[in-house]
Amino acid sequence: MQTPAKTMIACTAVSLLAVTTYSVAMGSNGWLWFTWVVLGLTTVGVIVTSEA
């Protein structure tokens, strides 16, 4: 796996932690979860294209 893919994985993991913490502290926010899903799908795309 190349460096950009590792960076995307780290950013996705950190943002999941941040969104989860925010949801526990302040209540769920649909836009935050939607944004995290888009980031997760983008990360999967980067991983798939870097391995090809």
Protein backbone atom coordinates (compact mmCIF):
# COMPACT_ATOMS: atom_id res chain seq x y z
CA MET A 1 0.00 0.00 0.00
CA GLN A 2 1.29 3.44 -0.91
CA THR A 3 1.62 6.44 1.36
CA PRO A 4 -1.50 8.32 0.13
CA ALA A 5 -3.65 5.29 0.95
CA LYS A 6 -2.18 5.05 4.44
CA THR A 7 -2.83 8.75 4.97
CA MET A 8 -6.46 8.36 3.87
CA ILE A 9 -6.92 5.41 6.24
CA ALA A 10 -5.53 7.45 9.14
CA CYS A 11 -7.74 10.44 8.33
CA THR A 12 -10.81 8.22 8.05
CA ALA A 13 -10.09 6.53 11.37
CA VAL A 14 -9.50 9.83 13.17
CA SER A 15 -12.63 11.37 11.69
CA LEU A 16 -14.68 8.32 12.75
CA LEU A 17 -13.43 8.81 16.29
CA ALA A 18 -14.27 12.53 16.15
CA VAL A 19 -17.77 11.97 14.75
CA THR A 20 -18.51 9.25 17.29
CA THR A 21 -17.28 11.44 20.16
CA TYR A 22 -19.36 14.37 18.92
CA SER A 23 -22.44 12.16 18.60
CA VAL A 24 -22.05 10.88 22.15
CA ALA A 25 -21.47 14.36 23.61
CA MET A 26 -23.86 16.50 21.57
CA GLY A 27 -26.28 14.12 19.88
CA SER A 28 -26.29 12.60 16.45
CA ASN A 29 -25.83 14.82 13.41
CA GLY A 30 -26.80 13.31 10.07
CA TRP A 31 -24.53 15.58 8.04
CA LEU A 32 -21.47 14.49 10.01
CA TRP A 33 -22.26 10.82 9.44
CA PHE A 34 -23.02 11.45 5.75
CA THR A 35 -19.68 13.23 5.37
CA TRP A 36 -17.89 10.37 7.12
CA VAL A 37 -19.51 7.81 4.81
CA VAL A 38 -18.38 9.83 1.77
CA LEU A 39 -14.85 9.98 3.23
CA GLY A 40 -14.94 6.23 3.88
CA LEU A 41 -16.03 5.48 0.31
CA THR A 42 -13.33 7.77 -1.02
CA THR A 43 -10.77 5.95 1.10
CA VAL A 44 -11.91 2.61 -0.29
CA GLY A 45 -11.57 4.03 -3.79
CA VAL A 46 -8.03 5.21 -3.10
CA ILE A 47 -7.08 1.81 -1.71
CA VAL A 48 -8.56 -0.07 -4.66
CA THR A 49 -6.89 2.15 -7.25
CA SER A 50 -3.52 2.10 -5.51
CA GLU A 51 -3.46 -1.71 -5.45
CA ALA A 52 -4.42 -2.07 -9.11
